[in-house]
Amino acid sequence: MKTKSLKIVTTFLVFTVTIFVFCQSKRIQQSSTKEDTYSLPEIFPLQQLTGNTDSMLTSKYMNADTANFQRMESLWRSVCQINESMRKTIQKKRSEYPESKISNIDEVSQWLLELFSSWGGCYSARYYKQVEDGFLIKGFRGPFYWQGSFCRDIMWRMFLVSHDHNILEIKSWTIDNICPRVSFEIHFPEFENAEVRYPEIPDYSINSFLSKNVRYPLMALESGIQGRVLVSFIVETDGSITDIEIVRSVDRHLDAGAIRSIRRTDGQWIPGTKNGEKTPMEIKVEFDFGWR
């Protein structure tokens, strides 16, 4: 009888110890898993398992310098509001991180082209800035250049395209009632003791031709940049232009706008003559970029 009782007690103790060991093992395993989870490589420096990553990234880049961006060299890309279908596509891409990591602006451009095929309600992305977590993309609604002197508002948005393909809107803003204007002064070379006919453009005065073709760069408008850019070039005897140079610079965006309008005159000129002979002549054009 005693032997039977001893067996029962022994069996109960073994069972109790087994249960205790099993429970301890599960607790240790769960604790280890939790610690491993926290030690996983982070996609973003600010990302934690608690808190909203998007909110932290928005705060991180809210005050980024919106003027110090580079122009995207590729074709126009659009950035739209994210719908449910796009969200699923983004999540699929994010699940492939880090193998699918976005590393350069060309990959950003390709991703935007793949994701957004519609222009409706979208912002035209043309400027970017590389940051710690990916690329800030600045987009706007409206023309890339301002042609003429009409007034309008410019609506901007800034997005973060992160290394893992996520797209997050950082902020939006509007610049109200911008009224740009561009005027010109033409400077011809001087010749002594010679009969001179200066180069001209058929059916136009030079001023009217430039007025029709000049555009005020939007980045310069947004940054409040205005001033006088002086450009020189040579009208050759065949009506082409060569040796375009910036004699006096104000800003790279305004310089580019002035050079672009001069290049539009290439092949349009009736060459100048000196004493009846076609002669290459240097012309200087001063562009006065401003607004009212």
C-alpha atoms as a PDB file:
ATOM      1  CA  MET A   1       0.000   0.000   0.000  1.00  0.00           C
ATOM      2  CA  LYS A   2       2.855   2.290   0.940  1.00  0.00           C
ATOM      3  CA  THR A   3       4.647   1.446  -2.300  1.00  0.00           C
ATOM      4  CA  LYS A   4       1.556   2.395  -4.323  1.00  0.00           C
ATOM      5  CA  SER A   5       1.185   5.686  -2.481  1.00  0.00           C
ATOM      6  CA  LEU A   6       4.843   6.488  -3.050  1.00  0.00           C
ATOM      7  CA  LYS A   7       4.435   5.875  -6.787  1.00  0.00           C
ATOM      8  CA  ILE A   8       1.454   8.232  -6.924  1.00  0.00           C
ATOM      9  CA  VAL A   9       3.322  10.976  -5.081  1.00  0.00           C
ATOM     10  CA  THR A  10       6.387  10.477  -7.283  1.00  0.00           C
ATOM     11  CA  THR A  11       4.308  10.616 -10.448  1.00  0.00           C
ATOM     12  CA  PHE A  12       2.571  13.800  -9.267  1.00  0.00           C
ATOM     13  CA  LEU A  13       5.907  15.456  -8.474  1.00  0.00           C
ATOM     14  CA  VAL A  14       7.367  14.498 -11.852  1.00  0.00           C
ATOM     15  CA  PHE A  15       4.260  15.853 -13.589  1.00  0.00           C
ATOM     16  CA  THR A  16       4.388  19.087 -11.590  1.00  0.00           C
ATOM     17  CA  VAL A  17       8.089  19.613 -12.346  1.00  0.00           C
ATOM     18  CA  THR A  18       7.500  18.898 -16.038  1.00  0.00           C
ATOM     19  CA  ILE A  19       4.704  21.458 -16.204  1.00  0.00           C
ATOM     20  CA  PHE A  20       6.858  24.021 -14.371  1.00  0.00           C
ATOM     21  CA  VAL A  21       9.831  23.456 -16.695  1.00  0.00           C
ATOM     22  CA  PHE A  22       7.584  23.716 -19.765  1.00  0.00           C
ATOM     23  CA  CYS A  23       6.061  26.994 -18.581  1.00  0.00           C
ATOM     24  CA  GLN A  24       9.454  28.461 -17.785  1.00  0.00           C
ATOM     25  CA  SER A  25      10.707  27.409 -21.200  1.00  0.00           C
ATOM     26  CA  LYS A  26       7.777  29.151 -22.954  1.00  0.00           C
ATOM     27  CA  ARG A  27       8.261  32.315 -20.879  1.00  0.00           C
ATOM     28  CA  ILE A  28      11.969  32.434 -21.721  1.00  0.00           C
ATOM     29  CA  GLN A  29      11.219  31.776 -25.402  1.00  0.00           C
ATOM     30  CA  GLN A  30       8.658  34.596 -25.524  1.00  0.00           C
ATOM     31  CA  SER A  31      11.046  36.956 -23.769  1.00  0.00           C
ATOM     32  CA  SER A  32      13.812  36.023 -26.196  1.00  0.00           C
ATOM     33  CA  THR A  33      11.522  36.597 -29.185  1.00  0.00           C
ATOM     34  CA  LYS A  34      10.535  40.018 -27.870  1.00  0.00           C
ATOM     35  CA  GLU A  35      14.173  40.996 -27.404  1.00  0.00           C
ATOM     36  CA  ASP A  36      15.050  39.757 -30.885  1.00  0.00           C
ATOM     37  CA  THR A  37      12.201  41.811 -32.333  1.00  0.00           C
ATOM     38  CA  TYR A  38      13.566  44.980 -30.797  1.00  0.00           C
ATOM     39  CA  SER A  39      17.039  44.204 -32.100  1.00  0.00           C
ATOM     40  CA  LEU A  40      15.948  43.874 -35.739  1.00  0.00           C
ATOM     41  CA  PRO A  41      17.574  46.400 -38.134  1.00  0.00           C
ATOM     42  CA  GLU A  42      15.456  49.543 -38.364  1.00  0.00           C
ATOM     43  CA  ILE A  43      14.267  50.830 -41.737  1.00  0.00           C
ATOM     44  CA  PHE A  44      14.313  54.404 -40.436  1.00  0.00           C
ATOM     45  CA  PRO A  45      16.506  55.869 -37.685  1.00  0.00           C
ATOM     46  CA  LEU A  46      13.402  57.141 -35.866  1.00  0.00           C
ATOM     47  CA  GLN A  47      11.330  53.995 -36.237  1.00  0.00           C
ATOM     48  CA  GLN A  48      10.362  52.094 -33.065  1.00  0.00           C
ATOM     49  CA  LEU A  49       7.863  49.331 -32.407  1.00  0.00           C
ATOM     50  CA  THR A  50       5.765  51.827 -30.446  1.00  0.00           C
ATOM     51  CA  GLY A  51       4.589  55.102 -31.967  1.00  0.00           C
ATOM     52  CA  ASN A  52       3.617  56.133 -35.491  1.00  0.00           C
ATOM     53  CA  THR A  53       6.597  56.056 -37.843  1.00  0.00           C
ATOM     54  CA  ASP A  54       4.865  58.281 -40.414  1.00  0.00           C
ATOM     55  CA  SER A  55       4.169  60.943 -37.788  1.00  0.00           C
ATOM     56  CA  MET A  56       7.792  60.951 -36.663  1.00  0.00           C
ATOM     57  CA  LEU A  57       9.053  61.250 -40.219  1.00  0.00           C
ATOM     58  CA  THR A  58       6.606  64.062 -40.915  1.00  0.00           C
ATOM     59  CA  SER A  59       7.912  65.950 -37.885  1.00  0.00           C
ATOM     60  CA  LYS A  60      11.491  65.238 -38.876  1.00  0.00           C
ATOM     61  CA  TYR A  61      11.175  66.841 -42.329  1.00  0.00           C
ATOM     62  CA  MET A  62       8.456  69.431 -41.707  1.00  0.00           C
ATOM     63  CA  ASN A  63      11.001  72.282 -41.581  1.00  0.00           C
ATOM     64  CA  ALA A  64      13.232  71.105 -44.437  1.00  0.00           C
ATOM     65  CA  ASP A  65      14.549  73.912 -46.648  1.00  0.00           C
ATOM     66  CA  THR A  66      12.100  73.833 -49.565  1.00  0.00           C
ATOM     67  CA  ALA A  67      14.211  76.138 -51.747  1.00  0.00           C
ATOM     68  CA  ASN A  68      17.425  74.107 -51.675  1.00  0.00           C
ATOM     69  CA  PHE A  69      16.273  71.344 -54.025  1.00  0.00           C
ATOM     70  CA  GLN A  70      17.721  69.994 -57.275  1.00  0.00           C
ATOM     71  CA  ARG A  71      15.852  69.719 -60.523  1.00  0.00           C
ATOM     72  CA  MET A  72      14.970  66.211 -61.675  1.00  0.00           C
ATOM     73  CA  GLU A  73      16.586  65.546 -65.044  1.00  0.00           C
ATOM     74  CA  SER A  74      14.102  62.865 -66.079  1.00  0.00           C
ATOM     75  CA  LEU A  75      10.651  63.496 -67.529  1.00  0.00           C
ATOM     76  CA  TRP A  76       7.822  64.903 -65.465  1.00  0.00           C
ATOM     77  CA  ARG A  77       6.537  62.579 -62.766  1.00  0.00           C
ATOM     78  CA  SER A  78       3.227  62.861 -60.959  1.00  0.00           C
ATOM     79  CA  VAL A  79       2.521  62.356 -57.252  1.00  0.00           C
ATOM     80  CA  CYS A  80      -1.127  61.838 -56.302  1.00  0.00           C
ATOM     81  CA  GLN A  81      -3.174  61.053 -53.231  1.00  0.00           C
ATOM     82  CA  ILE A  82      -2.627  57.409 -52.249  1.00  0.00           C
ATOM     83  CA  ASN A  83      -5.702  55.228 -52.789  1.00  0.00           C
ATOM     84  CA  GLU A  84      -6.274  51.714 -51.488  1.00  0.00           C
ATOM     85  CA  SER A  85      -4.959  50.010 -54.621  1.00  0.00           C
ATOM     86  CA  MET A  86      -1.766  52.072 -54.522  1.00  0.00           C
ATOM     87  CA  ARG A  87      -1.402  51.352 -50.808  1.00  0.00           C
ATOM     88  CA  LYS A  88      -1.408  47.611 -51.484  1.00  0.00           C
ATOM     89  CA  THR A  89       1.219  48.049 -54.192  1.00  0.00           C
ATOM     90  CA  ILE A  90       3.371  50.070 -51.791  1.00  0.00           C
ATOM     91  CA  GLN A  91       3.002  47.482 -49.028  1.00  0.00           C
ATOM     92  CA  LYS A  92       4.069  44.726 -51.417  1.00  0.00           C
ATOM     93  CA  LYS A  93       7.181  46.686 -52.372  1.00  0.00           C
ATOM     94  CA  ARG A  94       7.957  47.467 -48.720  1.00  0.00           C
ATOM     95  CA  SER A  95       7.812  43.758 -47.875  1.00  0.00           C
ATOM     96  CA  GLU A  96      10.726  43.215 -50.270  1.00  0.00           C
ATOM     97  CA  TYR A  97      12.967  45.671 -48.388  1.00  0.00           C
ATOM     98  CA  PRO A  98      16.002  45.817 -48.149  1.00  0.00           C
ATOM     99  CA  GLU A  99      16.523  43.849 -51.385  1.00  0.00           C
ATOM    100  CA  SER A 100      14.382  46.403 -53.238  1.00  0.00           C
ATOM    101  CA  LYS A 101      15.931  49.479 -51.573  1.00  0.00           C
ATOM    102  CA  ILE A 102      15.582  52.792 -53.453  1.00  0.00           C
ATOM    103  CA  SER A 103      19.102  54.206 -53.665  1.00  0.00           C
ATOM    104  CA  ASN A 104      19.064  57.036 -56.219  1.00  0.00           C
ATOM    105  CA  ILE A 105      16.786  59.580 -57.836  1.00  0.00           C
ATOM    106  CA  ASP A 106      16.441  57.536 -61.050  1.00  0.00           C
ATOM    107  CA  GLU A 107      14.900  54.715 -59.020  1.00  0.00           C
ATOM    108  CA  VAL A 108      12.576  57.235 -57.344  1.00  0.00           C
ATOM    109  CA  SER A 109      11.487  58.498 -60.759  1.00  0.00           C
ATOM    110  CA  GLN A 110      10.856  54.961 -61.998  1.00  0.00           C
ATOM    111  CA  TRP A 111       8.824  54.134 -58.890  1.00  0.00           C
ATOM    112  CA  LEU A 112       6.625  57.226 -59.310  1.00  0.00           C
ATOM    113  CA  LEU A 113       6.106  56.360 -62.974  1.00  0.00           C
ATOM    114  CA  GLU A 114       5.114  52.821 -62.035  1.00  0.00           C
ATOM    115  CA  LEU A 115       2.746  53.851 -59.255  1.00  0.00           C
ATOM    116  CA  PHE A 116       1.013  56.918 -60.690  1.00  0.00           C
ATOM    117  CA  SER A 117      -0.274  56.587 -64.225  1.00  0.00           C
ATOM    118  CA  SER A 118      -2.979  59.248 -63.925  1.00  0.00           C
ATOM    119  CA  TRP A 119      -2.471  63.002 -63.812  1.00  0.00           C
ATOM    120  CA  GLY A 120      -5.891  63.774 -62.365  1.00  0.00           C
ATOM    121  CA  GLY A 121      -5.561  65.573 -59.033  1.00  0.00           C
ATOM    122  CA  CYS A 122      -1.797  65.028 -59.043  1.00  0.00           C
ATOM    123  CA  TYR A 123       1.185  67.260 -58.386  1.00  0.00           C
ATOM    124  CA  SER A 124       3.956  67.515 -60.960  1.00  0.00           C
ATOM    125  CA  ALA A 125       7.179  66.402 -59.288  1.00  0.00           C
ATOM    126  CA  ARG A 126      10.249  68.123 -60.666  1.00  0.00           C
ATOM    127  CA  TYR A 127      12.510  68.861 -57.683  1.00  0.00           C
ATOM    128  CA  TYR A 128      14.200  66.580 -55.158  1.00  0.00           C
ATOM    129  CA  LYS A 129      16.553  66.513 -52.211  1.00  0.00           C
ATOM    130  CA  GLN A 130      18.287  63.413 -50.867  1.00  0.00           C
ATOM    131  CA  VAL A 131      17.894  62.987 -47.118  1.00  0.00           C
ATOM    132  CA  GLU A 132      18.688  60.370 -44.491  1.00  0.00           C
ATOM    133  CA  ASP A 133      15.504  58.354 -44.983  1.00  0.00           C
ATOM    134  CA  GLY A 134      15.168  58.607 -48.771  1.00  0.00           C
ATOM    135  CA  PHE A 135      14.268  61.466 -51.095  1.00  0.00           C
ATOM    136  CA  LEU A 136      12.128  64.534 -50.532  1.00  0.00           C
ATOM    137  CA  ILE A 137      10.118  65.286 -53.672  1.00  0.00           C
ATOM    138  CA  LYS A 138       8.580  68.712 -54.215  1.00  0.00           C
ATOM    139  CA  GLY A 139       5.607  68.918 -56.560  1.00  0.00           C
ATOM    140  CA  PHE A 140       3.216  71.653 -57.642  1.00  0.00           C
ATOM    141  CA  ARG A 141       0.066  72.318 -59.583  1.00  0.00           C
ATOM    142  CA  GLY A 142       0.597  74.823 -62.354  1.00  0.00           C
ATOM    143  CA  PRO A 143       3.084  75.598 -65.137  1.00  0.00           C
ATOM    144  CA  PHE A 144       6.770  74.855 -64.665  1.00  0.00           C
ATOM    145  CA  TYR A 145       7.584  78.216 -66.247  1.00  0.00           C
ATOM    146  CA  TRP A 146       5.598  81.428 -66.218  1.00  0.00           C
ATOM    147  CA  GLN A 147       4.907  82.797 -69.668  1.00  0.00           C
ATOM    148  CA  GLY A 148       3.400  86.250 -69.952  1.00  0.00           C
ATOM    149  CA  SER A 149       2.444  88.489 -67.052  1.00  0.00           C
ATOM    150  CA  PHE A 150      -0.798  87.009 -65.722  1.00  0.00           C
ATOM    151  CA  CYS A 151      -1.241  86.421 -61.985  1.00  0.00           C
ATOM    152  CA  ARG A 152      -2.041  83.152 -60.269  1.00  0.00           C
ATOM    153  CA  ASP A 153      -1.458  81.034 -57.158  1.00  0.00           C
ATOM    154  CA  ILE A 154       1.039  78.197 -56.901  1.00  0.00           C
ATOM    155  CA  MET A 155       0.067  75.138 -54.839  1.00  0.00           C
ATOM    156  CA  TRP A 156       2.964  73.023 -53.550  1.00  0.00           C
ATOM    157  CA  ARG A 157       3.305  69.717 -51.744  1.00  0.00           C
ATOM    158  CA  MET A 158       6.356  67.928 -50.412  1.00  0.00           C
ATOM    159  CA  PHE A 159       6.538  64.131 -50.190  1.00  0.00           C
ATOM    160  CA  LEU A 160       9.060  61.686 -48.780  1.00  0.00           C
ATOM    161  CA  VAL A 161       9.826  58.689 -50.995  1.00  0.00           C
ATOM    162  CA  SER A 162      11.608  56.449 -48.516  1.00  0.00           C
ATOM    163  CA  HIS A 163      14.225  53.801 -49.170  1.00  0.00           C
ATOM    164  CA  ASP A 164      11.601  51.070 -48.695  1.00  0.00           C
ATOM    165  CA  HIS A 165       9.235  52.580 -51.364  1.00  0.00           C
ATOM    166  CA  ASN A 166       6.858  54.194 -48.891  1.00  0.00           C
ATOM    167  CA  ILE A 167       5.398  57.560 -49.994  1.00  0.00           C
ATOM    168  CA  LEU A 168       4.484  60.017 -47.261  1.00  0.00           C
ATOM    169  CA  GLU A 169       3.124  63.545 -47.612  1.00  0.00           C
ATOM    170  CA  ILE A 170       5.156  65.895 -45.405  1.00  0.00           C
ATOM    171  CA  LYS A 171       3.384  69.223 -45.931  1.00  0.00           C
ATOM    172  CA  SER A 172       1.619  71.503 -48.410  1.00  0.00           C
ATOM    173  CA  TRP A 173       1.542  75.261 -48.917  1.00  0.00           C
ATOM    174  CA  THR A 174       0.337  77.929 -51.357  1.00  0.00           C
ATOM    175  CA  ILE A 175       2.030  81.047 -52.703  1.00  0.00           C
ATOM    176  CA  ASP A 176      -0.718  83.536 -53.481  1.00  0.00           C
ATOM    177  CA  ASN A 177      -1.202  85.919 -56.386  1.00  0.00           C
ATOM    178  CA  ILE A 178       2.201  85.929 -58.067  1.00  0.00           C
ATOM    179  CA  CYS A 179       2.439  88.410 -60.964  1.00  0.00           C
ATOM    180  CA  PRO A 180       5.783  87.999 -62.737  1.00  0.00           C
ATOM    181  CA  ARG A 181       7.150  90.192 -65.523  1.00  0.00           C
ATOM    182  CA  VAL A 182      10.267  90.105 -67.727  1.00  0.00           C
ATOM    183  CA  SER A 183      11.598  93.027 -69.769  1.00  0.00           C
ATOM    184  CA  PHE A 184      14.637  93.370 -72.023  1.00  0.00           C
ATOM    185  CA  GLU A 185      17.345  95.716 -73.151  1.00  0.00           C
ATOM    186  CA  ILE A 186      19.243  94.929 -76.393  1.00  0.00           C
ATOM    187  CA  HIS A 187      22.850  96.065 -76.813  1.00  0.00           C
ATOM    188  CA  PHE A 188      24.422  95.999 -80.311  1.00  0.00           C
ATOM    189  CA  PRO A 189      28.120  96.403 -81.104  1.00  0.00           C
ATOM    190  CA  GLU A 190      29.445  99.769 -82.245  1.00  0.00           C
ATOM    191  CA  PHE A 191      31.437 100.248 -85.469  1.00  0.00           C
ATOM    192  CA  GLU A 192      33.317 103.385 -86.521  1.00  0.00           C
ATOM    193  CA  ASN A 193      33.279 104.687 -90.077  1.00  0.00           C
ATOM    194  CA  ALA A 194      31.165 101.810 -91.410  1.00  0.00           C
ATOM    195  CA  GLU A 195      27.709 101.302 -92.855  1.00  0.00           C
ATOM    196  CA  VAL A 196      26.082  98.784 -90.527  1.00  0.00           C
ATOM    197  CA  ARG A 197      22.829  96.851 -90.562  1.00  0.00           C
ATOM    198  CA  TYR A 198      22.313  94.950 -87.347  1.00  0.00           C
ATOM    199  CA  PRO A 199      20.928  91.403 -87.133  1.00  0.00           C
ATOM    200  CA  GLU A 200      17.162  91.143 -86.942  1.00  0.00           C
ATOM    201  CA  ILE A 201      14.426  88.524 -86.720  1.00  0.00           C
ATOM    202  CA  PRO A 202      11.886  88.502 -89.593  1.00  0.00           C
ATOM    203  CA  ASP A 203       8.366  89.666 -88.710  1.00  0.00           C
ATOM    204  CA  TYR A 204       9.392  90.480 -85.136  1.00  0.00           C
ATOM    205  CA  SER A 205      11.278  93.019 -83.164  1.00  0.00           C
ATOM    206  CA  ILE A 206      13.834  91.248 -80.984  1.00  0.00           C
ATOM    207  CA  ASN A 207      11.943  92.392 -77.896  1.00  0.00           C
ATOM    208  CA  SER A 208       8.622  90.986 -79.058  1.00  0.00           C
ATOM    209  CA  PHE A 209      10.193  87.660 -80.056  1.00  0.00           C
ATOM    210  CA  LEU A 210      11.845  87.297 -76.654  1.00  0.00           C
ATOM    211  CA  SER A 211       8.655  88.357 -74.868  1.00  0.00           C
ATOM    212  CA  LYS A 212       6.797  85.595 -76.640  1.00  0.00           C
ATOM    213  CA  ASN A 213       9.371  82.952 -75.706  1.00  0.00           C
ATOM    214  CA  VAL A 214      10.762  83.898 -72.306  1.00  0.00           C
ATOM    215  CA  ARG A 215       9.491  82.095 -69.218  1.00  0.00           C
ATOM    216  CA  TYR A 216      10.008  82.996 -65.582  1.00  0.00           C
ATOM    217  CA  PRO A 217      11.375  79.903 -63.762  1.00  0.00           C
ATOM    218  CA  LEU A 218       8.980  78.832 -61.041  1.00  0.00           C
ATOM    219  CA  MET A 219      11.735  77.900 -58.584  1.00  0.00           C
ATOM    220  CA  ALA A 220      13.053  81.470 -58.743  1.00  0.00           C
ATOM    221  CA  LEU A 221       9.566  82.839 -58.140  1.00  0.00           C
ATOM    222  CA  GLU A 222       9.035  80.589 -55.131  1.00  0.00           C
ATOM    223  CA  SER A 223      12.388  81.629 -53.672  1.00  0.00           C
ATOM    224  CA  GLY A 224      11.685  85.329 -54.214  1.00  0.00           C
ATOM    225  CA  ILE A 225      14.573  85.721 -56.665  1.00  0.00           C
ATOM    226  CA  GLN A 226      14.581  88.581 -59.140  1.00  0.00           C
ATOM    227  CA  GLY A 227      17.208  90.670 -60.892  1.00  0.00           C
ATOM    228  CA  ARG A 228      18.991  91.465 -64.153  1.00  0.00           C
ATOM    229  CA  VAL A 229      20.765  88.743 -66.131  1.00  0.00           C
ATOM    230  CA  LEU A 230      23.082  89.805 -68.950  1.00  0.00           C
ATOM    231  CA  VAL A 231      23.630  87.318 -71.785  1.00  0.00           C
ATOM    232  CA  SER A 232      25.973  87.660 -74.756  1.00  0.00           C
ATOM    233  CA  PHE A 233      25.993  85.640 -77.994  1.00  0.00           C
ATOM    234  CA  ILE A 234      27.165  85.906 -81.594  1.00  0.00           C
ATOM    235  CA  VAL A 235      24.860  85.951 -84.615  1.00  0.00           C
ATOM    236  CA  GLU A 236      26.791  84.179 -87.378  1.00  0.00           C
ATOM    237  CA  THR A 237      26.579  84.926 -91.099  1.00  0.00           C
ATOM    238  CA  ASP A 238      24.172  81.996 -91.630  1.00  0.00           C
ATOM    239  CA  GLY A 239      21.692  83.254 -89.007  1.00  0.00           C
ATOM    240  CA  SER A 240      22.735  80.749 -86.335  1.00  0.00           C
ATOM    241  CA  ILE A 241      23.930  81.756 -82.882  1.00  0.00           C
ATOM    242  CA  THR A 242      27.108  80.679 -81.087  1.00  0.00           C
ATOM    243  CA  ASP A 243      29.104  81.424 -77.941  1.00  0.00           C
ATOM    244  CA  ILE A 244      26.177  81.997 -75.591  1.00  0.00           C
ATOM    245  CA  GLU A 245      27.566  83.248 -72.292  1.00  0.00           C
ATOM    246  CA  ILE A 246      26.280  84.643 -69.018  1.00  0.00           C
ATOM    247  CA  VAL A 247      28.058  87.985 -68.592  1.00  0.00           C
ATOM    248  CA  ARG A 248      26.242  88.881 -65.373  1.00  0.00           C
ATOM    249  CA  SER A 249      24.556  86.219 -63.277  1.00  0.00           C
ATOM    250  CA  VAL A 250      21.828  86.507 -60.651  1.00  0.00           C
ATOM    251  CA  ASP A 251      20.710  82.953 -59.939  1.00  0.00           C
ATOM    252  CA  ARG A 252      21.100  79.652 -61.767  1.00  0.00           C
ATOM    253  CA  HIS A 253      17.348  79.381 -62.399  1.00  0.00           C
ATOM    254  CA  LEU A 254      17.129  82.881 -63.902  1.00  0.00           C
ATOM    255  CA  ASP A 255      20.354  82.290 -65.860  1.00  0.00           C
ATOM    256  CA  ALA A 256      18.884  79.092 -67.322  1.00  0.00           C
ATOM    257  CA  GLY A 257      15.644  80.894 -68.218  1.00  0.00           C
ATOM    258  CA  ALA A 258      17.554  83.635 -70.063  1.00  0.00           C
ATOM    259  CA  ILE A 259      19.762  81.183 -71.968  1.00  0.00           C
ATOM    260  CA  ARG A 260      16.745  79.072 -72.915  1.00  0.00           C
ATOM    261  CA  SER A 261      14.980  82.030 -74.507  1.00  0.00           C
ATOM    262  CA  ILE A 262      18.128  83.050 -76.439  1.00  0.00           C
ATOM    263  CA  ARG A 263      18.534  79.534 -77.801  1.00  0.00           C
ATOM    264  CA  ARG A 264      15.030  79.763 -79.244  1.00  0.00           C
ATOM    265  CA  THR A 265      16.328  82.441 -81.631  1.00  0.00           C
ATOM    266  CA  ASP A 266      18.864  80.068 -83.206  1.00  0.00           C
ATOM    267  CA  GLY A 267      18.381  80.006 -86.973  1.00  0.00           C
ATOM    268  CA  GLN A 268      15.804  82.819 -86.827  1.00  0.00           C
ATOM    269  CA  TRP A 269      18.180  85.685 -87.529  1.00  0.00           C
ATOM    270  CA  ILE A 270      18.877  87.707 -90.661  1.00  0.00           C
ATOM    271  CA  PRO A 271      22.610  88.241 -90.221  1.00  0.00           C
ATOM    272  CA  GLY A 272      24.065  91.690 -89.802  1.00  0.00           C
ATOM    273  CA  THR A 273      26.190  93.397 -92.462  1.00  0.00           C
ATOM    274  CA  LYS A 274      29.116  95.780 -92.366  1.00  0.00           C
ATOM    275  CA  ASN A 275      29.701  97.792 -95.512  1.00  0.00           C
ATOM    276  CA  GLY A 276      27.420  95.402 -97.383  1.00  0.00           C
ATOM    277  CA  GLU A 277      29.205  92.232 -96.233  1.00  0.00           C
ATOM    278  CA  LYS A 278      27.661  89.694 -93.857  1.00  0.00           C
ATOM    279  CA  THR A 279      29.542  89.920 -90.587  1.00  0.00           C
ATOM    280  CA  PRO A 280      29.348  87.942 -87.312  1.00  0.00           C
ATOM    281  CA  MET A 281      28.119  90.286 -84.595  1.00  0.00           C
ATOM    282  CA  GLU A 282      27.985  90.008 -80.842  1.00  0.00           C
ATOM    283  CA  ILE A 283      24.681  90.970 -79.214  1.00  0.00           C
ATOM    284  CA  LYS A 284      24.034  91.403 -75.520  1.00  0.00           C
ATOM    285  CA  VAL A 285      20.562  91.054 -74.014  1.00  0.00           C
ATOM    286  CA  GLU A 286      19.769  92.171 -70.484  1.00  0.00           C
ATOM    287  CA  PHE A 287      16.828  90.288 -68.935  1.00  0.00           C
ATOM    288  CA  ASP A 288      15.071  92.055 -66.069  1.00  0.00           C
ATOM    289  CA  PHE A 289      13.189  89.393 -64.058  1.00  0.00           C
ATOM    290  CA  GLY A 290      10.768  90.729 -61.460  1.00  0.00           C
ATOM    291  CA  TRP A 291       7.135  90.902 -60.383  1.00  0.00           C
ATOM    292  CA  ARG A 292       4.538  93.419 -59.398  1.00  0.00           C
END
